[in-house]
């Protein structure tokens, strides 16, 4: 996932992102103490073993690089899995040019739980993988398994859908949930690792677009469902690695502080404050930039380092991002926290 520092105003940020790739400005964090006491919201149990199996299944198809057989097969499996769970599924095919000039045959996937409900919550993630491990000293041109960076978010989404579908009517949440999976998120230009390559989308980036997050940019311009207005959205990105750390990302706080507060407080109440840190962090170029631009107040739950000059964990955009780093406790922490936050209303 392409990720770079988010700076205001938005245009200035995107121009900076185009030149800085996955790097970020020196991080300035703020420690805060939460003292609010609240009743822990009731919710069904999120099963980490199941989310792990869903994650492993995606990885088993092979790197989910757009235009590949593994990409097509994985997308078909995701669609059928949501349908088998009883959700209403819509596909949004689109073609997008990558920074290297390739046309990426892509599709966003939308799976709706309780589509008749007027009030809704969006759970976003991406399901593709980066085609090159450009941060890997040994295998720079190898494609990624994307176990945490992509597959873990989808694994959590699928397990949430399974748990929700299994509830009797009396125990279902009061809102509908839309699982919206973006494609071609991770096929972007990183100037810090790919300076020898030409970014053919440079002119577009100078106009406020990005070579990253192509699926969410398309969705923001062609919303599915049409005129979509959920209460809020949650983006799950890199949410499966051992010892993951989720700080309160800048754009998330600016656009939906109430949602950030509710999510982080819920995590603390149920014992996951070692993952959800009461610490602020710089913004990042991720799918939530474009969902927020589309009017959906969205927060980003993303694994990044809370201190130091490097924003991302060592596995980011390397071949280390495989099933060996996936931890069931991390999957549980994220999945249970999101579920209980949704059930809290």
C-alpha atoms as a PDB file:
ATOM      1  CA  UNK A   1       0.000   0.000   0.000  1.00  0.00           C
ATOM      2  CA  UNK A   2       1.189   3.160  -1.017  1.00  0.00           C
ATOM      3  CA  UNK A   3       1.332   5.381   1.770  1.00  0.00           C
ATOM      4  CA  UNK A   4       2.810   8.770   2.318  1.00  0.00           C
ATOM      5  CA  UNK A   5       2.310  11.678   4.679  1.00  0.00           C
ATOM      6  CA  UNK A   6      -1.009  13.558   4.541  1.00  0.00           C
ATOM      7  CA  UNK A   7      -0.675  17.308   4.735  1.00  0.00           C
ATOM      8  CA  UNK A   8      -3.268  20.073   4.532  1.00  0.00           C
ATOM      9  CA  UNK A   9      -4.405  21.384   2.230  1.00  0.00           C
ATOM     10  CA  UNK A  10      -5.288  18.252   0.283  1.00  0.00           C
ATOM     11  CA  UNK A  11      -3.627  19.370  -2.951  1.00  0.00           C
ATOM     12  CA  UNK A  12      -0.370  20.133  -1.209  1.00  0.00           C
ATOM     13  CA  UNK A  13      -0.499  16.708   0.381  1.00  0.00           C
ATOM     14  CA  UNK A  14      -1.059  14.905  -2.874  1.00  0.00           C
ATOM     15  CA  UNK A  15       1.765  16.770  -4.565  1.00  0.00           C
ATOM     16  CA  UNK A  16       4.052  15.780  -1.730  1.00  0.00           C
ATOM     17  CA  UNK A  17       2.877  12.179  -1.918  1.00  0.00           C
ATOM     18  CA  UNK A  18       3.738  12.025  -5.609  1.00  0.00           C
ATOM     19  CA  UNK A  19       7.312  12.950  -4.829  1.00  0.00           C
ATOM     20  CA  UNK A  20       7.837  11.060  -1.600  1.00  0.00           C
ATOM     21  CA  UNK A  21       6.276   7.669  -2.295  1.00  0.00           C
ATOM     22  CA  UNK A  22       5.995   5.641   0.883  1.00  0.00           C
ATOM     23  CA  UNK A  23       8.097   8.007   2.934  1.00  0.00           C
ATOM     24  CA  UNK A  24       6.665  10.430   5.464  1.00  0.00           C
ATOM     25  CA  UNK A  25       7.722  13.579   7.245  1.00  0.00           C
ATOM     26  CA  UNK A  26       9.357  13.233  10.630  1.00  0.00           C
ATOM     27  CA  UNK A  27       6.655  11.980  12.907  1.00  0.00           C
ATOM     28  CA  UNK A  28       5.341  14.103  15.742  1.00  0.00           C
ATOM     29  CA  UNK A  29       3.124  12.130  18.054  1.00  0.00           C
ATOM     30  CA  UNK A  30       1.050  13.188  21.012  1.00  0.00           C
ATOM     31  CA  UNK A  31       0.422  10.961  23.968  1.00  0.00           C
ATOM     32  CA  UNK A  32      -2.972  11.390  25.600  1.00  0.00           C
ATOM     33  CA  UNK A  33      -4.756   9.679  28.446  1.00  0.00           C
ATOM     34  CA  UNK A  34      -8.333   8.492  28.139  1.00  0.00           C
ATOM     35  CA  UNK A  35     -10.306   8.491  31.363  1.00  0.00           C
ATOM     36  CA  UNK A  36     -13.846   8.048  30.086  1.00  0.00           C
ATOM     37  CA  UNK A  37     -15.616   5.019  31.498  1.00  0.00           C
ATOM     38  CA  UNK A  38     -18.396   3.413  29.506  1.00  0.00           C
ATOM     39  CA  UNK A  39     -20.228   0.151  29.403  1.00  0.00           C
ATOM     40  CA  UNK A  40     -18.647  -2.387  27.062  1.00  0.00           C
ATOM     41  CA  UNK A  41     -20.960  -2.837  24.070  1.00  0.00           C
ATOM     42  CA  UNK A  42     -22.370  -6.305  23.555  1.00  0.00           C
ATOM     43  CA  UNK A  43     -21.531  -8.054  20.286  1.00  0.00           C
ATOM     44  CA  UNK A  44     -21.105 -11.582  18.941  1.00  0.00           C
ATOM     45  CA  UNK A  45     -17.698 -13.184  19.172  1.00  0.00           C
ATOM     46  CA  UNK A  46     -15.287 -12.661  16.277  1.00  0.00           C
ATOM     47  CA  UNK A  47     -13.488 -15.965  15.528  1.00  0.00           C
ATOM     48  CA  UNK A  48      -9.816 -15.375  14.805  1.00  0.00           C
ATOM     49  CA  UNK A  49      -9.242 -18.927  13.514  1.00  0.00           C
ATOM     50  CA  UNK A  50     -11.812 -18.323  10.803  1.00  0.00           C
ATOM     51  CA  UNK A  51     -10.352 -14.940   9.820  1.00  0.00           C
ATOM     52  CA  UNK A  52      -6.901 -16.566   9.672  1.00  0.00           C
ATOM     53  CA  UNK A  53      -8.222 -19.287   7.347  1.00  0.00           C
ATOM     54  CA  UNK A  54      -9.813 -16.678   5.059  1.00  0.00           C
ATOM     55  CA  UNK A  55      -6.502 -14.805   4.956  1.00  0.00           C
ATOM     56  CA  UNK A  56      -4.522 -17.965   4.167  1.00  0.00           C
ATOM     57  CA  UNK A  57      -6.954 -18.926   1.405  1.00  0.00           C
ATOM     58  CA  UNK A  58      -6.323 -15.673  -0.432  1.00  0.00           C
ATOM     59  CA  UNK A  59      -2.561 -16.036  -0.120  1.00  0.00           C
ATOM     60  CA  UNK A  60      -2.787 -19.614  -1.443  1.00  0.00           C
ATOM     61  CA  UNK A  61      -4.064 -18.324  -4.799  1.00  0.00           C
ATOM     62  CA  UNK A  62      -0.740 -16.562  -5.312  1.00  0.00           C
ATOM     63  CA  UNK A  63       0.032 -12.839  -5.505  1.00  0.00           C
ATOM     64  CA  UNK A  64      -3.185 -11.007  -6.358  1.00  0.00           C
ATOM     65  CA  UNK A  65      -1.598  -8.725  -8.947  1.00  0.00           C
ATOM     66  CA  UNK A  66      -4.103  -7.158 -11.361  1.00  0.00           C
ATOM     67  CA  UNK A  67      -4.306  -8.930 -14.754  1.00  0.00           C
ATOM     68  CA  UNK A  68      -3.007 -12.209 -13.299  1.00  0.00           C
ATOM     69  CA  UNK A  69      -4.831 -15.548 -13.063  1.00  0.00           C
ATOM     70  CA  UNK A  70      -4.401 -15.495  -9.282  1.00  0.00           C
ATOM     71  CA  UNK A  71      -6.062 -12.077  -9.151  1.00  0.00           C
ATOM     72  CA  UNK A  72      -9.073 -13.237 -11.151  1.00  0.00           C
ATOM     73  CA  UNK A  73      -9.429 -16.466  -9.150  1.00  0.00           C
ATOM     74  CA  UNK A  74      -9.199 -14.679  -5.820  1.00  0.00           C
ATOM     75  CA  UNK A  75     -11.801 -12.108  -6.833  1.00  0.00           C
ATOM     76  CA  UNK A  76     -14.183 -14.839  -7.962  1.00  0.00           C
ATOM     77  CA  UNK A  77     -13.692 -16.663  -4.659  1.00  0.00           C
ATOM     78  CA  UNK A  78     -14.357 -13.526  -2.601  1.00  0.00           C
ATOM     79  CA  UNK A  79     -17.573 -12.840  -4.531  1.00  0.00           C
ATOM     80  CA  UNK A  80     -18.817 -16.392  -4.121  1.00  0.00           C
ATOM     81  CA  UNK A  81     -17.908 -16.438  -0.426  1.00  0.00           C
ATOM     82  CA  UNK A  82     -19.940 -13.319   0.324  1.00  0.00           C
ATOM     83  CA  UNK A  83     -22.850 -14.697  -1.714  1.00  0.00           C
ATOM     84  CA  UNK A  84     -22.710 -18.024   0.132  1.00  0.00           C
ATOM     85  CA  UNK A  85     -23.033 -16.090   3.393  1.00  0.00           C
ATOM     86  CA  UNK A  86     -26.248 -14.561   2.107  1.00  0.00           C
ATOM     87  CA  UNK A  87     -25.007 -11.045   1.397  1.00  0.00           C
ATOM     88  CA  UNK A  88     -26.109  -9.016  -1.618  1.00  0.00           C
ATOM     89  CA  UNK A  89     -23.054  -8.703  -3.844  1.00  0.00           C
ATOM     90  CA  UNK A  90     -22.318  -6.261  -6.648  1.00  0.00           C
ATOM     91  CA  UNK A  91     -19.169  -6.047  -8.754  1.00  0.00           C
ATOM     92  CA  UNK A  92     -17.797  -2.818 -10.184  1.00  0.00           C
ATOM     93  CA  UNK A  93     -15.421  -3.547 -13.072  1.00  0.00           C
ATOM     94  CA  UNK A  94     -13.122  -0.792 -14.309  1.00  0.00           C
ATOM     95  CA  UNK A  95      -9.874  -0.302 -16.207  1.00  0.00           C
ATOM     96  CA  UNK A  96      -7.190   2.008 -14.870  1.00  0.00           C
ATOM     97  CA  UNK A  97      -3.757   2.928 -16.150  1.00  0.00           C
ATOM     98  CA  UNK A  98      -0.896   2.230 -13.759  1.00  0.00           C
ATOM     99  CA  UNK A  99       2.131   4.478 -13.365  1.00  0.00           C
ATOM    100  CA  UNK A 100       4.127   2.240 -15.745  1.00  0.00           C
ATOM    101  CA  UNK A 101       1.521   2.537 -18.512  1.00  0.00           C
ATOM    102  CA  UNK A 102      -0.118  -0.858 -18.035  1.00  0.00           C
ATOM    103  CA  UNK A 103      -3.893  -1.018 -18.191  1.00  0.00           C
ATOM    104  CA  UNK A 104      -5.129  -2.818 -15.108  1.00  0.00           C
ATOM    105  CA  UNK A 105      -8.340  -4.813 -15.528  1.00  0.00           C
ATOM    106  CA  UNK A 106      -9.839  -4.336 -12.098  1.00  0.00           C
ATOM    107  CA  UNK A 107     -13.018  -4.685 -10.068  1.00  0.00           C
ATOM    108  CA  UNK A 108     -14.282  -3.322  -6.796  1.00  0.00           C
ATOM    109  CA  UNK A 109     -16.512  -5.674  -4.809  1.00  0.00           C
ATOM    110  CA  UNK A 110     -19.478  -4.511  -2.698  1.00  0.00           C
ATOM    111  CA  UNK A 111     -21.207  -6.979  -0.329  1.00  0.00           C
ATOM    112  CA  UNK A 112     -24.203  -5.700   1.640  1.00  0.00           C
ATOM    113  CA  UNK A 113     -25.478  -7.100   4.927  1.00  0.00           C
ATOM    114  CA  UNK A 114     -29.067  -6.074   5.689  1.00  0.00           C
ATOM    115  CA  UNK A 115     -29.354  -4.043   2.471  1.00  0.00           C
ATOM    116  CA  UNK A 116     -32.836  -2.891   3.484  1.00  0.00           C
ATOM    117  CA  UNK A 117     -31.582  -0.996   6.550  1.00  0.00           C
ATOM    118  CA  UNK A 118     -31.672   2.776   6.183  1.00  0.00           C
ATOM    119  CA  UNK A 119     -28.730   3.452   8.512  1.00  0.00           C
ATOM    120  CA  UNK A 120     -25.461   1.984   7.264  1.00  0.00           C
ATOM    121  CA  UNK A 121     -21.785   1.573   8.106  1.00  0.00           C
ATOM    122  CA  UNK A 122     -19.045   0.952   5.543  1.00  0.00           C
ATOM    123  CA  UNK A 123     -16.132  -1.422   6.086  1.00  0.00           C
ATOM    124  CA  UNK A 124     -13.467  -0.736   3.455  1.00  0.00           C
ATOM    125  CA  UNK A 125     -10.341  -2.699   2.565  1.00  0.00           C
ATOM    126  CA  UNK A 126      -8.366  -3.593  -0.569  1.00  0.00           C
ATOM    127  CA  UNK A 127      -7.901  -7.061  -2.005  1.00  0.00           C
ATOM    128  CA  UNK A 128      -5.065  -6.718  -4.551  1.00  0.00           C
ATOM    129  CA  UNK A 129      -1.320  -7.065  -3.934  1.00  0.00           C
ATOM    130  CA  UNK A 130       1.667  -5.000  -4.993  1.00  0.00           C
ATOM    131  CA  UNK A 131       3.405  -6.463  -8.057  1.00  0.00           C
ATOM    132  CA  UNK A 132       6.939  -5.750  -6.838  1.00  0.00           C
ATOM    133  CA  UNK A 133       8.654  -5.964  -3.459  1.00  0.00           C
ATOM    134  CA  UNK A 134      10.500  -2.710  -4.065  1.00  0.00           C
ATOM    135  CA  UNK A 135      11.556  -2.359  -0.410  1.00  0.00           C
ATOM    136  CA  UNK A 136      13.084  -5.855  -0.387  1.00  0.00           C
ATOM    137  CA  UNK A 137      16.900  -5.884  -0.521  1.00  0.00           C
ATOM    138  CA  UNK A 138      16.966  -9.431  -1.896  1.00  0.00           C
ATOM    139  CA  UNK A 139      13.920  -9.685  -4.170  1.00  0.00           C
ATOM    140  CA  UNK A 140      13.068  -6.168  -5.323  1.00  0.00           C
ATOM    141  CA  UNK A 141      11.095  -7.219  -8.411  1.00  0.00           C
ATOM    142  CA  UNK A 142       9.215 -10.120  -6.825  1.00  0.00           C
ATOM    143  CA  UNK A 143       5.435  -9.872  -6.332  1.00  0.00           C
ATOM    144  CA  UNK A 144       4.075  -9.922  -2.792  1.00  0.00           C
ATOM    145  CA  UNK A 145       1.924 -12.454  -0.974  1.00  0.00           C
ATOM    146  CA  UNK A 146       0.297  -9.465   0.708  1.00  0.00           C
ATOM    147  CA  UNK A 147      -0.761 -11.485   3.742  1.00  0.00           C
ATOM    148  CA  UNK A 148      -1.156  -8.453   5.979  1.00  0.00           C
ATOM    149  CA  UNK A 149      -1.220  -5.832   3.224  1.00  0.00           C
ATOM    150  CA  UNK A 150      -4.568  -6.739   1.711  1.00  0.00           C
ATOM    151  CA  UNK A 151      -5.497 -10.311   2.633  1.00  0.00           C
ATOM    152  CA  UNK A 152      -5.878  -9.665   6.369  1.00  0.00           C
ATOM    153  CA  UNK A 153      -8.422  -6.879   5.813  1.00  0.00           C
ATOM    154  CA  UNK A 154     -10.477  -9.096   3.529  1.00  0.00           C
ATOM    155  CA  UNK A 155     -10.159 -11.972   5.997  1.00  0.00           C
ATOM    156  CA  UNK A 156     -11.574  -9.806   8.779  1.00  0.00           C
ATOM    157  CA  UNK A 157     -14.369  -8.539   6.514  1.00  0.00           C
ATOM    158  CA  UNK A 158     -15.364 -12.076   5.552  1.00  0.00           C
ATOM    159  CA  UNK A 159     -15.361 -13.246   9.168  1.00  0.00           C
ATOM    160  CA  UNK A 160     -17.455 -10.264  10.209  1.00  0.00           C
ATOM    161  CA  UNK A 161     -19.918 -11.146   7.440  1.00  0.00           C
ATOM    162  CA  UNK A 162     -19.997 -14.791   8.567  1.00  0.00           C
ATOM    163  CA  UNK A 163     -20.626 -13.852  12.193  1.00  0.00           C
ATOM    164  CA  UNK A 164     -23.331 -11.331  11.308  1.00  0.00           C
ATOM    165  CA  UNK A 165     -25.116 -13.720   8.961  1.00  0.00           C
ATOM    166  CA  UNK A 166     -25.214 -16.381  11.694  1.00  0.00           C
ATOM    167  CA  UNK A 167     -27.078 -14.161  14.164  1.00  0.00           C
ATOM    168  CA  UNK A 168     -30.814 -14.558  14.708  1.00  0.00           C
ATOM    169  CA  UNK A 169     -32.881 -11.490  13.833  1.00  0.00           C
ATOM    170  CA  UNK A 170     -33.112 -10.508  17.499  1.00  0.00           C
ATOM    171  CA  UNK A 171     -29.310 -10.269  17.780  1.00  0.00           C
ATOM    172  CA  UNK A 172     -28.489  -8.513  14.521  1.00  0.00           C
ATOM    173  CA  UNK A 173     -27.156  -4.933  14.649  1.00  0.00           C
ATOM    174  CA  UNK A 174     -29.455  -1.968  14.131  1.00  0.00           C
ATOM    175  CA  UNK A 175     -27.555  -0.881  11.007  1.00  0.00           C
ATOM    176  CA  UNK A 176     -26.704  -2.410   7.668  1.00  0.00           C
ATOM    177  CA  UNK A 177     -23.046  -3.042   6.868  1.00  0.00           C
ATOM    178  CA  UNK A 178     -21.476  -2.632   3.453  1.00  0.00           C
ATOM    179  CA  UNK A 179     -18.181  -4.428   2.875  1.00  0.00           C
ATOM    180  CA  UNK A 180     -16.510  -2.497   0.063  1.00  0.00           C
ATOM    181  CA  UNK A 181     -13.314  -4.038  -1.296  1.00  0.00           C
ATOM    182  CA  UNK A 182     -11.134  -1.874  -3.531  1.00  0.00           C
ATOM    183  CA  UNK A 183      -8.915  -3.176  -6.310  1.00  0.00           C
ATOM    184  CA  UNK A 184      -5.640  -1.831  -7.759  1.00  0.00           C
ATOM    185  CA  UNK A 185      -4.771  -0.013  -4.542  1.00  0.00           C
ATOM    186  CA  UNK A 186      -1.166  -1.098  -4.322  1.00  0.00           C
ATOM    187  CA  UNK A 187       0.131  -0.566  -7.881  1.00  0.00           C
ATOM    188  CA  UNK A 188       1.601   2.893  -7.267  1.00  0.00           C
ATOM    189  CA  UNK A 189       4.857   4.730  -7.851  1.00  0.00           C
ATOM    190  CA  UNK A 190       7.292   5.081  -4.935  1.00  0.00           C
ATOM    191  CA  UNK A 191       9.975   7.631  -5.755  1.00  0.00           C
ATOM    192  CA  UNK A 192      12.120   6.442  -2.846  1.00  0.00           C
ATOM    193  CA  UNK A 193      12.489   2.914  -4.260  1.00  0.00           C
ATOM    194  CA  UNK A 194      11.634   3.276  -7.964  1.00  0.00           C
ATOM    195  CA  UNK A 195      13.518   6.393  -9.003  1.00  0.00           C
ATOM    196  CA  UNK A 196      14.905   4.573 -12.029  1.00  0.00           C
ATOM    197  CA  UNK A 197      11.381   4.233 -13.421  1.00  0.00           C
ATOM    198  CA  UNK A 198       9.200   6.873 -15.050  1.00  0.00           C
ATOM    199  CA  UNK A 199       5.907   7.727 -13.411  1.00  0.00           C
ATOM    200  CA  UNK A 200       3.559   8.147 -16.355  1.00  0.00           C
ATOM    201  CA  UNK A 201       0.866   9.470 -14.007  1.00  0.00           C
ATOM    202  CA  UNK A 202       2.995  12.357 -12.785  1.00  0.00           C
ATOM    203  CA  UNK A 203       0.894  14.954 -14.618  1.00  0.00           C
ATOM    204  CA  UNK A 204      -2.278  13.574 -13.045  1.00  0.00           C
ATOM    205  CA  UNK A 205      -0.677  13.607  -9.601  1.00  0.00           C
ATOM    206  CA  UNK A 206       0.142  17.259 -10.068  1.00  0.00           C
ATOM    207  CA  UNK A 207      -3.598  17.795 -10.572  1.00  0.00           C
ATOM    208  CA  UNK A 208      -4.493  16.169  -7.257  1.00  0.00           C
ATOM    209  CA  UNK A 209      -4.812  12.516  -8.262  1.00  0.00           C
ATOM    210  CA  UNK A 210      -2.542   9.638  -7.277  1.00  0.00           C
ATOM    211  CA  UNK A 211      -0.898   6.576  -8.817  1.00  0.00           C
ATOM    212  CA  UNK A 212      -2.045   4.717  -5.698  1.00  0.00           C
ATOM    213  CA  UNK A 213      -5.565   3.791  -4.602  1.00  0.00           C
ATOM    214  CA  UNK A 214      -6.919   3.489  -8.136  1.00  0.00           C
ATOM    215  CA  UNK A 215      -9.959   1.471  -7.045  1.00  0.00           C
ATOM    216  CA  UNK A 216     -11.092   3.915  -4.377  1.00  0.00           C
ATOM    217  CA  UNK A 217     -10.527   6.850  -6.720  1.00  0.00           C
ATOM    218  CA  UNK A 218     -12.783   5.177  -9.277  1.00  0.00           C
ATOM    219  CA  UNK A 219     -15.384   4.318  -6.631  1.00  0.00           C
ATOM    220  CA  UNK A 220     -15.414   7.880  -5.326  1.00  0.00           C
ATOM    221  CA  UNK A 221     -16.338   9.080  -8.831  1.00  0.00           C
ATOM    222  CA  UNK A 222     -18.836   6.253  -9.464  1.00  0.00           C
ATOM    223  CA  UNK A 223     -20.281   5.449  -6.047  1.00  0.00           C
ATOM    224  CA  UNK A 224     -21.736   2.001  -5.538  1.00  0.00           C
ATOM    225  CA  UNK A 225     -24.362   1.927  -4.112  1.00  0.00           C
ATOM    226  CA  UNK A 226     -25.394   5.151  -5.839  1.00  0.00           C
ATOM    227  CA  UNK A 227     -25.698   8.239  -3.618  1.00  0.00           C
ATOM    228  CA  UNK A 228     -24.136   6.272  -0.779  1.00  0.00           C
ATOM    229  CA  UNK A 229     -24.372   8.025   2.604  1.00  0.00           C
ATOM    230  CA  UNK A 230     -23.453   5.736   5.518  1.00  0.00           C
ATOM    231  CA  UNK A 231     -23.048   7.034   9.059  1.00  0.00           C
ATOM    232  CA  UNK A 232     -19.294   6.449   8.779  1.00  0.00           C
ATOM    233  CA  UNK A 233     -16.671   4.183   7.255  1.00  0.00           C
ATOM    234  CA  UNK A 234     -13.761   2.133   8.636  1.00  0.00           C
ATOM    235  CA  UNK A 235     -10.785   1.291   6.430  1.00  0.00           C
ATOM    236  CA  UNK A 236      -8.868  -1.882   7.357  1.00  0.00           C
ATOM    237  CA  UNK A 237      -5.312  -1.886   6.004  1.00  0.00           C
ATOM    238  CA  UNK A 238      -2.421  -4.062   7.143  1.00  0.00           C
ATOM    239  CA  UNK A 239      -4.416  -5.440  10.079  1.00  0.00           C
ATOM    240  CA  UNK A 240      -3.018  -8.939  10.569  1.00  0.00           C
ATOM    241  CA  UNK A 241       0.650  -8.807  11.562  1.00  0.00           C
ATOM    242  CA  UNK A 242       2.070  -9.792  14.919  1.00  0.00           C
ATOM    243  CA  UNK A 243       2.457  -6.854  17.335  1.00  0.00           C
ATOM    244  CA  UNK A 244       0.640  -4.468  15.007  1.00  0.00           C
ATOM    245  CA  UNK A 245       0.241  -0.897  16.226  1.00  0.00           C
ATOM    246  CA  UNK A 246      -2.686   1.329  15.282  1.00  0.00           C
ATOM    247  CA  UNK A 247      -2.274   5.010  16.104  1.00  0.00           C
ATOM    248  CA  UNK A 248      -4.870   7.721  15.523  1.00  0.00           C
ATOM    249  CA  UNK A 249      -4.084   8.819  11.972  1.00  0.00           C
ATOM    250  CA  UNK A 250      -4.322  12.536  11.233  1.00  0.00           C
ATOM    251  CA  UNK A 251      -6.925  12.586   8.456  1.00  0.00           C
ATOM    252  CA  UNK A 252      -9.099  10.132  10.400  1.00  0.00           C
ATOM    253  CA  UNK A 253      -9.120  12.454  13.391  1.00  0.00           C
ATOM    254  CA  UNK A 254      -9.804  15.512  11.242  1.00  0.00           C
ATOM    255  CA  UNK A 255     -12.729  13.940   9.385  1.00  0.00           C
ATOM    256  CA  UNK A 256     -14.294  11.639  11.997  1.00  0.00           C
ATOM    257  CA  UNK A 257     -12.861  12.220  15.469  1.00  0.00           C
ATOM    258  CA  UNK A 258     -15.995  10.861  17.111  1.00  0.00           C
ATOM    259  CA  UNK A 259     -15.559   7.555  15.286  1.00  0.00           C
ATOM    260  CA  UNK A 260     -11.862   7.377  16.172  1.00  0.00           C
ATOM    261  CA  UNK A 261     -12.680   8.042  19.827  1.00  0.00           C
ATOM    262  CA  UNK A 262     -15.426   5.416  19.880  1.00  0.00           C
ATOM    263  CA  UNK A 263     -13.251   2.788  18.172  1.00  0.00           C
ATOM    264  CA  UNK A 264     -10.169   3.373  20.327  1.00  0.00           C
ATOM    265  CA  UNK A 265     -12.165   3.564  23.559  1.00  0.00           C
ATOM    266  CA  UNK A 266     -13.941   0.324  22.699  1.00  0.00           C
ATOM    267  CA  UNK A 267     -10.603  -1.371  22.023  1.00  0.00           C
ATOM    268  CA  UNK A 268      -9.311  -0.257  25.403  1.00  0.00           C
ATOM    269  CA  UNK A 269     -12.456  -1.441  27.181  1.00  0.00           C
ATOM    270  CA  UNK A 270     -12.163  -4.957  25.760  1.00  0.00           C
ATOM    271  CA  UNK A 271      -8.424  -5.318  26.363  1.00  0.00           C
ATOM    272  CA  UNK A 272      -6.735  -4.288  23.126  1.00  0.00           C
ATOM    273  CA  UNK A 273      -5.046  -1.014  24.061  1.00  0.00           C
ATOM    274  CA  UNK A 274      -1.696  -2.656  23.283  1.00  0.00           C
ATOM    275  CA  UNK A 275      -2.808  -2.553  19.641  1.00  0.00           C
ATOM    276  CA  UNK A 276      -4.955   0.610  19.528  1.00  0.00           C
ATOM    277  CA  UNK A 277      -2.600   3.242  20.902  1.00  0.00           C
ATOM    278  CA  UNK A 278      -3.856   6.522  22.348  1.00  0.00           C
ATOM    279  CA  UNK A 279      -1.274   8.279  20.244  1.00  0.00           C
ATOM    280  CA  UNK A 280      -1.594  10.607  17.265  1.00  0.00           C
ATOM    281  CA  UNK A 281       0.298  10.060  14.015  1.00  0.00           C
ATOM    282  CA  UNK A 282       0.776  11.881  10.696  1.00  0.00           C
ATOM    283  CA  UNK A 283      -1.671  11.295   7.878  1.00  0.00           C
ATOM    284  CA  UNK A 284      -1.178   8.720   5.160  1.00  0.00           C
ATOM    285  CA  UNK A 285      -2.222   8.393   1.518  1.00  0.00           C
ATOM    286  CA  UNK A 286      -4.671   5.518   1.668  1.00  0.00           C
ATOM    287  CA  UNK A 287      -8.141   4.666   0.376  1.00  0.00           C
ATOM    288  CA  UNK A 288      -9.775   6.765   3.090  1.00  0.00           C
ATOM    289  CA  UNK A 289      -8.456   9.927   1.398  1.00  0.00           C
ATOM    290  CA  UNK A 290     -10.854   9.293  -1.477  1.00  0.00           C
ATOM    291  CA  UNK A 291     -13.792   7.929   0.504  1.00  0.00           C
ATOM    292  CA  UNK A 292     -13.631  11.081   2.616  1.00  0.00           C
ATOM    293  CA  UNK A 293     -13.526  13.168  -0.548  1.00  0.00           C
ATOM    294  CA  UNK A 294     -16.672  11.315  -1.647  1.00  0.00           C
ATOM    295  CA  UNK A 295     -18.442  12.408   1.527  1.00  0.00           C
ATOM    296  CA  UNK A 296     -18.076   9.213   3.587  1.00  0.00           C
ATOM    297  CA  UNK A 297     -16.514  10.049   6.952  1.00  0.00           C
ATOM    298  CA  UNK A 298     -13.840   7.364   7.136  1.00  0.00           C
ATOM    299  CA  UNK A 299     -11.139   6.412   9.623  1.00  0.00           C
ATOM    300  CA  UNK A 300      -8.074   4.330   8.811  1.00  0.00           C
ATOM    301  CA  UNK A 301      -6.948   1.401  10.966  1.00  0.00           C
ATOM    302  CA  UNK A 302      -3.456   0.784   9.609  1.00  0.00           C
ATOM    303  CA  UNK A 303      -0.344  -0.865  11.032  1.00  0.00           C
ATOM    304  CA  UNK A 304       2.474   1.651  11.286  1.00  0.00           C
ATOM    305  CA  UNK A 305       5.290   2.365  13.661  1.00  0.00           C
ATOM    306  CA  UNK A 306       4.410   4.786  16.470  1.00  0.00           C
ATOM    307  CA  UNK A 307       7.944   6.196  16.875  1.00  0.00           C
ATOM    308  CA  UNK A 308      11.031   6.845  14.779  1.00  0.00           C
ATOM    309  CA  UNK A 309      11.659   7.985  11.226  1.00  0.00           C
ATOM    310  CA  UNK A 310      10.128   4.989   9.419  1.00  0.00           C
ATOM    311  CA  UNK A 311       6.353   4.951   9.124  1.00  0.00           C
ATOM    312  CA  UNK A 312       5.904   1.290   8.218  1.00  0.00           C
ATOM    313  CA  UNK A 313       6.872  -2.074   9.745  1.00  0.00           C
ATOM    314  CA  UNK A 314       9.792  -3.997   8.260  1.00  0.00           C
ATOM    315  CA  UNK A 315       7.528  -6.304   6.228  1.00  0.00           C
ATOM    316  CA  UNK A 316       5.936  -3.439   4.267  1.00  0.00           C
ATOM    317  CA  UNK A 317       6.354  -3.979   0.513  1.00  0.00           C
ATOM    318  CA  UNK A 318       8.778  -6.867   0.983  1.00  0.00           C
ATOM    319  CA  UNK A 319       8.497 -10.628   0.565  1.00  0.00           C
ATOM    320  CA  UNK A 320       8.334 -10.859   4.370  1.00  0.00           C
ATOM    321  CA  UNK A 321       4.638 -10.017   4.052  1.00  0.00           C
ATOM    322  CA  UNK A 322       3.569 -13.668   4.049  1.00  0.00           C
ATOM    323  CA  UNK A 323       1.580 -15.915   6.351  1.00  0.00           C
ATOM    324  CA  UNK A 324       4.493 -16.253   8.777  1.00  0.00           C
ATOM    325  CA  UNK A 325       3.800 -12.752  10.121  1.00  0.00           C
ATOM    326  CA  UNK A 326       0.023 -13.177  10.529  1.00  0.00           C
ATOM    327  CA  UNK A 327      -1.108 -13.371  14.152  1.00  0.00           C
ATOM    328  CA  UNK A 328      -4.563 -14.522  15.204  1.00  0.00           C
ATOM    329  CA  UNK A 329      -4.562 -12.194  18.202  1.00  0.00           C
ATOM    330  CA  UNK A 330      -4.139  -9.174  15.926  1.00  0.00           C
ATOM    331  CA  UNK A 331      -7.007 -10.365  13.736  1.00  0.00           C
ATOM    332  CA  UNK A 332      -9.124 -10.835  16.857  1.00  0.00           C
ATOM    333  CA  UNK A 333      -8.242  -7.409  18.251  1.00  0.00           C
ATOM    334  CA  UNK A 334      -9.286  -5.629  15.060  1.00  0.00           C
ATOM    335  CA  UNK A 335     -12.308  -7.751  14.186  1.00  0.00           C
ATOM    336  CA  UNK A 336     -13.796  -7.750  17.682  1.00  0.00           C
ATOM    337  CA  UNK A 337     -13.209  -4.033  18.135  1.00  0.00           C
ATOM    338  CA  UNK A 338     -14.898  -3.117  14.861  1.00  0.00           C
ATOM    339  CA  UNK A 339     -17.815  -5.469  15.517  1.00  0.00           C
ATOM    340  CA  UNK A 340     -18.437  -4.108  19.000  1.00  0.00           C
ATOM    341  CA  UNK A 341     -18.149  -0.518  17.837  1.00  0.00           C
ATOM    342  CA  UNK A 342     -20.793  -1.168  15.178  1.00  0.00           C
ATOM    343  CA  UNK A 343     -23.072  -2.871  17.715  1.00  0.00           C
ATOM    344  CA  UNK A 344     -22.707   0.096  20.050  1.00  0.00           C
ATOM    345  CA  UNK A 345     -24.638   2.141  17.496  1.00  0.00           C
END
